[in-house]
Amino acid sequence: MGHQPQLAAEFPTSVMDSLRIYGLVAAGVALAGGAYALLRRKSMTADDIERERRTWLNGVGRITDGTVIDVQELDLESSPRPATMLIYKYDVAGVSYECSQDVTYLRHWVNLHSCRLGLPTSVKYDPQNPGNSLVVSETWMGLRQ
C-alpha cells in the first residue's frame, strides 16, 4: 500500500542544467545572428527600387499598344547627369493613361534619336494597376523602330 511504482531513471540535475545553458546559448546566438543580418542589410536606393519594379513588371505585365509622345531630358539637382524621360500613352479597358519612364540608365537599349512623336510602341502594364507600366527594361523592349 505504501509502495509507489518507480518512474524511469531521471537525468542527473547537472546534465539538465547543461542542456538548458546550451539551449539558451544557441537561442542567443540565433537571435544575435538574425539581428546582425537585419541591421547589416543595405537600404535600397531609388535606382534599386526602380530596377526591381521593372523586373517584376516584366514578369507579370500584360502587353498593349501605345504611342510615344516625347523624349525629354530633365536637369535634376540631385543627379550629376540629366534624367532622360520617355513619355508615352496607352489605353486599357477604355481608360487612357499617359506615363513617363526614366530611361537614363537604359540608354544603351534605347536609340533616343529614333524616338519621335507618334512612334508606335508596346507597353507592359500591371493588370491590377494599369497606371504602373514600362516601355523598356533590361530584358524587354517595346519600342518599334
N, C-alpha and C. Protein backbone atom coordinates (compact mmCIF):
# COMPACT_ATOMS: atom_id res chain seq x y z
N MET A 1 0.78 -1.18 0.00
CA MET A 1 0.00 0.00 0.00
C MET A 1 0.84 1.26 0.00
N GLY A 2 1.84 1.31 0.73
CA GLY A 2 2.67 2.50 0.78
C GLY A 2 3.74 2.48 -0.29
N HIS A 3 3.66 1.52 -1.17
CA HIS A 3 4.68 1.40 -2.20
C HIS A 3 4.18 1.99 -3.52
N GLN A 4 4.93 2.98 -4.11
CA GLN A 4 4.53 3.59 -5.38
C GLN A 4 5.44 3.09 -6.48
N PRO A 5 4.91 2.96 -7.71
CA PRO A 5 5.76 2.49 -8.80
C PRO A 5 6.85 3.51 -9.09
N GLN A 6 8.02 3.01 -9.43
CA GLN A 6 9.14 3.90 -9.70
C GLN A 6 9.13 4.31 -11.16
N LEU A 7 9.36 5.61 -11.39
CA LEU A 7 9.41 6.13 -12.75
C LEU A 7 10.76 5.80 -13.36
N ALA A 8 10.89 6.04 -14.66
CA ALA A 8 12.14 5.78 -15.36
C ALA A 8 13.24 6.62 -14.71
N ALA A 9 14.44 6.18 -14.86
CA ALA A 9 15.57 6.88 -14.25
C ALA A 9 15.62 8.31 -14.74
N GLU A 10 15.86 9.24 -13.83
CA GLU A 10 15.91 10.65 -14.18
C GLU A 10 17.34 11.04 -14.49
N PHE A 11 17.46 12.10 -15.33
CA PHE A 11 18.78 12.65 -15.62
C PHE A 11 19.31 13.30 -14.35
N PRO A 12 20.58 13.23 -14.16
CA PRO A 12 21.14 14.00 -13.04
C PRO A 12 20.89 15.48 -13.30
N THR A 13 20.75 16.26 -12.26
CA THR A 13 20.44 17.68 -12.42
C THR A 13 21.55 18.42 -13.12
N SER A 14 22.77 18.00 -13.04
CA SER A 14 23.87 18.70 -13.72
C SER A 14 23.73 18.58 -15.24
N VAL A 15 23.24 17.44 -15.73
CA VAL A 15 23.03 17.26 -17.16
C VAL A 15 21.88 18.15 -17.63
N MET A 16 20.82 18.23 -16.85
CA MET A 16 19.68 19.08 -17.21
C MET A 16 20.08 20.54 -17.24
N ASP A 17 20.89 20.96 -16.28
CA ASP A 17 21.35 22.35 -16.25
C ASP A 17 22.22 22.64 -17.47
N SER A 18 23.06 21.72 -17.86
CA SER A 18 23.92 21.91 -19.03
C SER A 18 23.08 22.04 -20.30
N LEU A 19 22.05 21.20 -20.44
CA LEU A 19 21.19 21.27 -21.62
C LEU A 19 20.46 22.61 -21.68
N ARG A 20 20.02 23.12 -20.54
CA ARG A 20 19.35 24.41 -20.52
C ARG A 20 20.31 25.53 -20.93
N ILE A 21 21.51 25.46 -20.40
CA ILE A 21 22.51 26.50 -20.72
C ILE A 21 22.83 26.47 -22.21
N TYR A 22 23.07 25.26 -22.77
CA TYR A 22 23.37 25.16 -24.20
C TYR A 22 22.20 25.65 -25.05
N GLY A 23 20.99 25.34 -24.62
CA GLY A 23 19.81 25.81 -25.34
C GLY A 23 19.71 27.33 -25.33
N LEU A 24 19.97 27.92 -24.18
CA LEU A 24 19.93 29.38 -24.08
C LEU A 24 21.03 30.03 -24.91
N VAL A 25 22.22 29.44 -24.90
CA VAL A 25 23.32 29.97 -25.71
C VAL A 25 22.99 29.87 -27.19
N ALA A 26 22.44 28.74 -27.62
CA ALA A 26 22.08 28.57 -29.03
C ALA A 26 21.00 29.57 -29.43
N ALA A 27 20.01 29.79 -28.60
CA ALA A 27 18.96 30.76 -28.90
C ALA A 27 19.54 32.17 -28.97
N GLY A 28 20.45 32.48 -28.06
CA GLY A 28 21.09 33.80 -28.07
C GLY A 28 21.90 34.03 -29.34
N VAL A 29 22.64 33.01 -29.77
CA VAL A 29 23.44 33.12 -30.99
C VAL A 29 22.51 33.30 -32.20
N ALA A 30 21.41 32.56 -32.24
CA ALA A 30 20.47 32.69 -33.36
C ALA A 30 19.85 34.09 -33.38
N LEU A 31 19.48 34.62 -32.23
CA LEU A 31 18.92 35.97 -32.18
C LEU A 31 19.95 37.02 -32.60
N ALA A 32 21.18 36.87 -32.13
CA ALA A 32 22.23 37.82 -32.49
C ALA A 32 22.51 37.76 -33.99
N GLY A 33 22.54 36.56 -34.56
CA GLY A 33 22.77 36.42 -36.00
C GLY A 33 21.65 37.04 -36.81
N GLY A 34 20.41 36.84 -36.39
CA GLY A 34 19.28 37.44 -37.09
C GLY A 34 19.30 38.96 -37.01
N ALA A 35 19.62 39.49 -35.85
CA ALA A 35 19.69 40.95 -35.69
C ALA A 35 20.81 41.51 -36.54
N TYR A 36 21.94 40.83 -36.58
CA TYR A 36 23.06 41.29 -37.40
C TYR A 36 22.68 41.31 -38.88
N ALA A 37 22.00 40.27 -39.35
CA ALA A 37 21.60 40.19 -40.76
C ALA A 37 20.63 41.32 -41.10
N LEU A 38 19.69 41.61 -40.21
CA LEU A 38 18.73 42.68 -40.48
C LEU A 38 19.40 44.05 -40.48
N LEU A 39 20.27 44.28 -39.54
CA LEU A 39 20.91 45.58 -39.44
C LEU A 39 21.97 45.78 -40.51
N ARG A 40 22.59 44.72 -40.95
CA ARG A 40 23.66 44.81 -41.95
C ARG A 40 23.10 45.03 -43.35
N ARG A 41 21.87 44.63 -43.57
CA ARG A 41 21.25 44.72 -44.89
C ARG A 41 21.25 46.17 -45.37
N LYS A 42 21.69 46.36 -46.58
CA LYS A 42 21.73 47.71 -47.15
C LYS A 42 20.32 48.20 -47.42
N SER A 43 20.13 49.49 -47.21
CA SER A 43 18.86 50.05 -47.60
C SER A 43 18.89 50.23 -49.12
N MET A 44 17.74 50.05 -49.73
CA MET A 44 17.68 50.11 -51.19
C MET A 44 17.66 51.56 -51.66
N THR A 45 18.37 51.82 -52.73
CA THR A 45 18.37 53.14 -53.34
C THR A 45 17.15 53.24 -54.27
N ALA A 46 16.87 54.44 -54.72
CA ALA A 46 15.76 54.64 -55.66
C ALA A 46 16.00 53.85 -56.95
N ASP A 47 17.26 53.77 -57.39
CA ASP A 47 17.58 53.00 -58.60
C ASP A 47 17.32 51.51 -58.39
N ASP A 48 17.64 51.00 -57.18
CA ASP A 48 17.37 49.59 -56.88
C ASP A 48 15.87 49.30 -56.88
N ILE A 49 15.11 50.20 -56.30
CA ILE A 49 13.66 50.02 -56.25
C ILE A 49 13.08 50.03 -57.66
N GLU A 50 13.55 50.95 -58.50
CA GLU A 50 13.06 51.03 -59.88
C GLU A 50 13.45 49.78 -60.67
N ARG A 51 14.66 49.29 -60.46
CA ARG A 51 15.10 48.07 -61.16
C ARG A 51 14.22 46.88 -60.75
N GLU A 52 13.90 46.77 -59.46
CA GLU A 52 13.02 45.69 -59.01
C GLU A 52 11.62 45.83 -59.59
N ARG A 53 11.12 47.07 -59.71
CA ARG A 53 9.81 47.30 -60.31
C ARG A 53 9.80 46.85 -61.76
N ARG A 54 10.87 47.21 -62.51
CA ARG A 54 10.94 46.79 -63.92
C ARG A 54 10.99 45.28 -64.04
N THR A 55 11.78 44.64 -63.20
CA THR A 55 11.91 43.18 -63.25
C THR A 55 10.58 42.51 -62.94
N TRP A 56 9.91 42.98 -61.90
CA TRP A 56 8.62 42.41 -61.51
C TRP A 56 7.59 42.63 -62.62
N LEU A 57 7.52 43.86 -63.13
CA LEU A 57 6.54 44.20 -64.16
C LEU A 57 6.81 43.44 -65.45
N ASN A 58 8.07 43.22 -65.75
CA ASN A 58 8.41 42.44 -66.93
C ASN A 58 7.89 41.01 -66.81
N GLY A 59 7.85 40.49 -65.59
CA GLY A 59 7.37 39.13 -65.38
C GLY A 59 5.86 38.98 -65.37
N VAL A 60 5.14 39.95 -64.79
CA VAL A 60 3.69 39.81 -64.63
C VAL A 60 2.88 40.70 -65.57
N GLY A 61 3.54 41.60 -66.28
CA GLY A 61 2.82 42.59 -67.08
C GLY A 61 2.13 42.02 -68.30
N ARG A 62 1.04 42.67 -68.64
CA ARG A 62 0.35 42.38 -69.89
C ARG A 62 0.76 43.43 -70.91
N ILE A 63 0.65 43.08 -72.17
CA ILE A 63 1.13 43.97 -73.24
C ILE A 63 -0.06 44.59 -73.97
N THR A 64 0.06 45.89 -74.24
CA THR A 64 -0.92 46.61 -75.04
C THR A 64 -0.18 47.56 -75.97
N ASP A 65 -0.89 48.09 -76.95
CA ASP A 65 -0.29 49.05 -77.87
C ASP A 65 -0.30 50.43 -77.26
N GLY A 66 0.75 51.18 -77.55
CA GLY A 66 0.86 52.55 -77.07
C GLY A 66 1.54 53.42 -78.10
N THR A 67 1.75 54.67 -77.73
CA THR A 67 2.38 55.64 -78.63
C THR A 67 3.34 56.50 -77.83
N VAL A 68 4.53 56.71 -78.39
CA VAL A 68 5.49 57.62 -77.76
C VAL A 68 5.01 59.04 -78.01
N ILE A 69 4.99 59.84 -76.97
CA ILE A 69 4.59 61.24 -77.09
C ILE A 69 5.82 62.13 -77.20
N ASP A 70 6.84 61.84 -76.37
CA ASP A 70 8.01 62.72 -76.36
C ASP A 70 9.15 62.04 -75.60
N VAL A 71 10.34 62.55 -75.81
CA VAL A 71 11.51 62.19 -75.02
C VAL A 71 12.09 63.50 -74.52
N GLN A 72 12.27 63.61 -73.20
CA GLN A 72 12.78 64.85 -72.63
C GLN A 72 13.94 64.56 -71.71
N GLU A 73 14.89 65.50 -71.68
CA GLU A 73 15.98 65.43 -70.72
C GLU A 73 15.73 66.49 -69.66
N LEU A 74 15.74 66.05 -68.40
CA LEU A 74 15.48 66.95 -67.29
C LEU A 74 16.75 67.10 -66.46
N ASP A 75 17.13 68.34 -66.17
CA ASP A 75 18.27 68.58 -65.29
C ASP A 75 17.77 68.51 -63.85
N LEU A 76 18.23 67.52 -63.12
CA LEU A 76 17.85 67.35 -61.73
C LEU A 76 19.00 67.80 -60.84
N GLU A 77 18.69 68.52 -59.79
CA GLU A 77 19.73 68.98 -58.87
C GLU A 77 20.37 67.82 -58.12
N SER A 78 19.63 66.75 -57.91
CA SER A 78 20.13 65.62 -57.13
C SER A 78 20.99 64.67 -57.96
N SER A 79 21.07 64.88 -59.26
CA SER A 79 21.81 63.95 -60.13
C SER A 79 22.85 64.71 -60.95
N PRO A 80 24.03 64.13 -61.12
CA PRO A 80 25.07 64.80 -61.89
C PRO A 80 24.79 64.83 -63.39
N ARG A 81 23.99 63.92 -63.88
CA ARG A 81 23.66 63.88 -65.31
C ARG A 81 22.16 64.09 -65.49
N PRO A 82 21.75 64.62 -66.63
CA PRO A 82 20.32 64.85 -66.84
C PRO A 82 19.55 63.53 -66.93
N ALA A 83 18.34 63.54 -66.43
CA ALA A 83 17.47 62.36 -66.50
C ALA A 83 16.76 62.36 -67.85
N THR A 84 16.72 61.22 -68.49
CA THR A 84 16.04 61.08 -69.77
C THR A 84 14.70 60.41 -69.53
N MET A 85 13.63 61.11 -69.86
CA MET A 85 12.28 60.62 -69.64
C MET A 85 11.62 60.28 -70.98
N LEU A 86 11.10 59.09 -71.08
CA LEU A 86 10.34 58.65 -72.25
C LEU A 86 8.86 58.79 -71.88
N ILE A 87 8.14 59.62 -72.61
CA ILE A 87 6.74 59.89 -72.30
C ILE A 87 5.88 59.18 -73.34
N TYR A 88 4.88 58.43 -72.88
CA TYR A 88 4.07 57.61 -73.77
C TYR A 88 2.64 57.55 -73.25
N LYS A 89 1.75 57.08 -74.14
CA LYS A 89 0.35 56.92 -73.74
C LYS A 89 -0.15 55.58 -74.26
N TYR A 90 -1.20 55.07 -73.60
CA TYR A 90 -1.80 53.80 -73.98
C TYR A 90 -3.20 53.72 -73.36
N ASP A 91 -4.00 52.79 -73.84
CA ASP A 91 -5.36 52.60 -73.34
C ASP A 91 -5.51 51.18 -72.80
N VAL A 92 -6.21 51.07 -71.66
CA VAL A 92 -6.55 49.77 -71.08
C VAL A 92 -8.00 49.84 -70.64
N ALA A 93 -8.82 48.96 -71.17
CA ALA A 93 -10.24 48.86 -70.81
C ALA A 93 -10.95 50.20 -70.95
N GLY A 94 -10.66 50.92 -72.01
CA GLY A 94 -11.33 52.18 -72.28
C GLY A 94 -10.80 53.38 -71.49
N VAL A 95 -9.76 53.17 -70.70
CA VAL A 95 -9.17 54.26 -69.93
C VAL A 95 -7.82 54.61 -70.55
N SER A 96 -7.59 55.90 -70.79
CA SER A 96 -6.33 56.37 -71.37
C SER A 96 -5.34 56.70 -70.26
N TYR A 97 -4.11 56.26 -70.43
CA TYR A 97 -3.04 56.54 -69.49
C TYR A 97 -1.92 57.28 -70.21
N GLU A 98 -1.37 58.26 -69.56
CA GLU A 98 -0.21 58.98 -70.07
C GLU A 98 0.86 58.86 -68.99
N CYS A 99 1.98 58.23 -69.33
CA CYS A 99 3.02 57.92 -68.34
C CYS A 99 4.39 58.34 -68.84
N SER A 100 5.33 58.32 -67.94
CA SER A 100 6.72 58.55 -68.31
C SER A 100 7.56 57.49 -67.63
N GLN A 101 8.65 57.16 -68.27
CA GLN A 101 9.61 56.21 -67.71
C GLN A 101 10.98 56.83 -67.78
N ASP A 102 11.70 56.77 -66.67
CA ASP A 102 13.07 57.25 -66.63
C ASP A 102 13.94 56.18 -67.30
N VAL A 103 14.51 56.53 -68.46
CA VAL A 103 15.34 55.58 -69.20
C VAL A 103 16.81 56.00 -69.18
N THR A 104 17.17 56.83 -68.21
CA THR A 104 18.54 57.34 -68.10
C THR A 104 19.55 56.20 -68.09
N TYR A 105 19.29 55.16 -67.29
CA TYR A 105 20.24 54.06 -67.16
C TYR A 105 19.96 52.93 -68.14
N LEU A 106 19.02 53.14 -69.05
CA LEU A 106 18.71 52.14 -70.08
C LEU A 106 19.06 52.68 -71.46
N ARG A 107 19.87 53.73 -71.51
CA ARG A 107 20.19 54.38 -72.80
C ARG A 107 20.83 53.43 -73.80
N HIS A 108 21.62 52.46 -73.33
CA HIS A 108 22.27 51.54 -74.27
C HIS A 108 21.27 50.58 -74.91
N TRP A 109 20.03 50.51 -74.41
CA TRP A 109 18.98 49.71 -75.04
C TRP A 109 18.06 50.57 -75.91
N VAL A 110 18.10 51.88 -75.71
CA VAL A 110 17.16 52.77 -76.39
C VAL A 110 17.91 53.70 -77.33
N ASN A 111 17.48 53.75 -78.59
CA ASN A 111 18.01 54.74 -79.52
C ASN A 111 17.11 55.97 -79.42
N LEU A 112 17.53 56.92 -78.61
CA LEU A 112 16.69 58.08 -78.32
C LEU A 112 16.46 58.96 -79.54
N HIS A 113 17.36 58.90 -80.52
CA HIS A 113 17.20 59.72 -81.72
C HIS A 113 16.06 59.21 -82.61
N SER A 114 15.74 57.92 -82.47
CA SER A 114 14.63 57.38 -83.28
C SER A 114 13.29 57.49 -82.57
N CYS A 115 13.30 57.87 -81.29
CA CYS A 115 12.05 58.05 -80.54
C CYS A 115 11.45 59.40 -80.90
N ARG A 116 10.36 59.36 -81.59
CA ARG A 116 9.75 60.61 -82.04
C ARG A 116 8.25 60.56 -81.75
N LEU A 117 7.64 61.70 -81.86
CA LEU A 117 6.21 61.82 -81.62
C LEU A 117 5.45 60.87 -82.54
N GLY A 118 4.58 60.07 -81.96
CA GLY A 118 3.74 59.17 -82.75
C GLY A 118 4.35 57.80 -82.99
N LEU A 119 5.55 57.54 -82.51
CA LEU A 119 6.18 56.24 -82.70
C LEU A 119 5.37 55.16 -81.98
N PRO A 120 4.91 54.12 -82.72
CA PRO A 120 4.16 53.05 -82.05
C PRO A 120 5.08 52.27 -81.12
N THR A 121 4.51 51.82 -80.01
CA THR A 121 5.28 51.06 -79.04
C THR A 121 4.37 50.04 -78.37
N SER A 122 4.96 49.05 -77.78
CA SER A 122 4.23 48.12 -76.92
C SER A 122 4.50 48.55 -75.49
N VAL A 123 3.51 48.42 -74.64
CA VAL A 123 3.61 48.83 -73.25
C VAL A 123 3.26 47.63 -72.38
N LYS A 124 4.09 47.34 -71.39
CA LYS A 124 3.75 46.31 -70.39
C LYS A 124 3.17 47.04 -69.19
N TYR A 125 2.02 46.56 -68.73
CA TYR A 125 1.36 47.21 -67.59
C TYR A 125 0.91 46.16 -66.58
N ASP A 126 0.75 46.59 -65.35
CA ASP A 126 0.28 45.75 -64.27
C ASP A 126 -1.24 45.60 -64.40
N PRO A 127 -1.76 44.38 -64.57
CA PRO A 127 -3.21 44.21 -64.73
C PRO A 127 -4.01 44.69 -63.50
N GLN A 128 -3.40 44.66 -62.32
CA GLN A 128 -4.08 45.12 -61.11
C GLN A 128 -4.01 46.64 -60.94
N ASN A 129 -3.02 47.26 -61.59
CA ASN A 129 -2.82 48.72 -61.52
C ASN A 129 -2.30 49.18 -62.87
N PRO A 130 -3.18 49.38 -63.86
CA PRO A 130 -2.74 49.67 -65.23
C PRO A 130 -1.89 50.93 -65.37
N GLY A 131 -1.89 51.81 -64.39
CA GLY A 131 -1.04 53.00 -64.46
C GLY A 131 0.42 52.68 -64.22
N ASN A 132 0.71 51.49 -63.70
CA ASN A 132 2.08 51.05 -63.47
C ASN A 132 2.53 50.33 -64.74
N SER A 133 3.44 50.95 -65.49
CA SER A 133 3.79 50.39 -66.80
C SER A 133 5.23 50.70 -67.15
N LEU A 134 5.68 50.09 -68.25
CA LEU A 134 7.01 50.37 -68.78
C LEU A 134 7.03 50.11 -70.27
N VAL A 135 8.02 50.70 -70.92
CA VAL A 135 8.23 50.50 -72.36
C VAL A 135 9.55 49.80 -72.60
N VAL A 136 10.50 49.99 -71.68
CA VAL A 136 11.83 49.41 -71.82
C VAL A 136 12.27 48.84 -70.48
N SER A 137 12.89 47.66 -70.51
CA SER A 137 13.55 47.11 -69.33
C SER A 137 14.86 46.48 -69.78
N GLU A 138 15.56 45.90 -68.84
CA GLU A 138 16.84 45.26 -69.19
C GLU A 138 16.66 44.07 -70.10
N THR A 139 15.49 43.45 -70.09
CA THR A 139 15.27 42.23 -70.88
C THR A 139 14.11 42.33 -71.87
N TRP A 140 13.50 43.49 -71.98
CA TRP A 140 12.35 43.63 -72.88
C TRP A 140 12.34 45.02 -73.50
N MET A 141 11.96 45.09 -74.78
CA MET A 141 11.91 46.36 -75.49
C MET A 141 10.58 46.46 -76.21
N GLY A 142 9.82 47.51 -75.89
CA GLY A 142 8.54 47.72 -76.53
C GLY A 142 8.60 48.67 -77.70
N LEU A 143 9.69 49.44 -77.80
CA LEU A 143 9.81 50.41 -78.89
C LEU A 143 9.95 49.70 -80.23
N ARG A 144 9.20 50.16 -81.20
CA ARG A 144 9.29 49.60 -82.55
C ARG A 144 10.02 50.61 -83.41
N GLN A 145 11.13 50.18 -83.98
CA GLN A 145 11.96 51.13 -84.72
C GLN A 145 12.10 50.76 -86.18
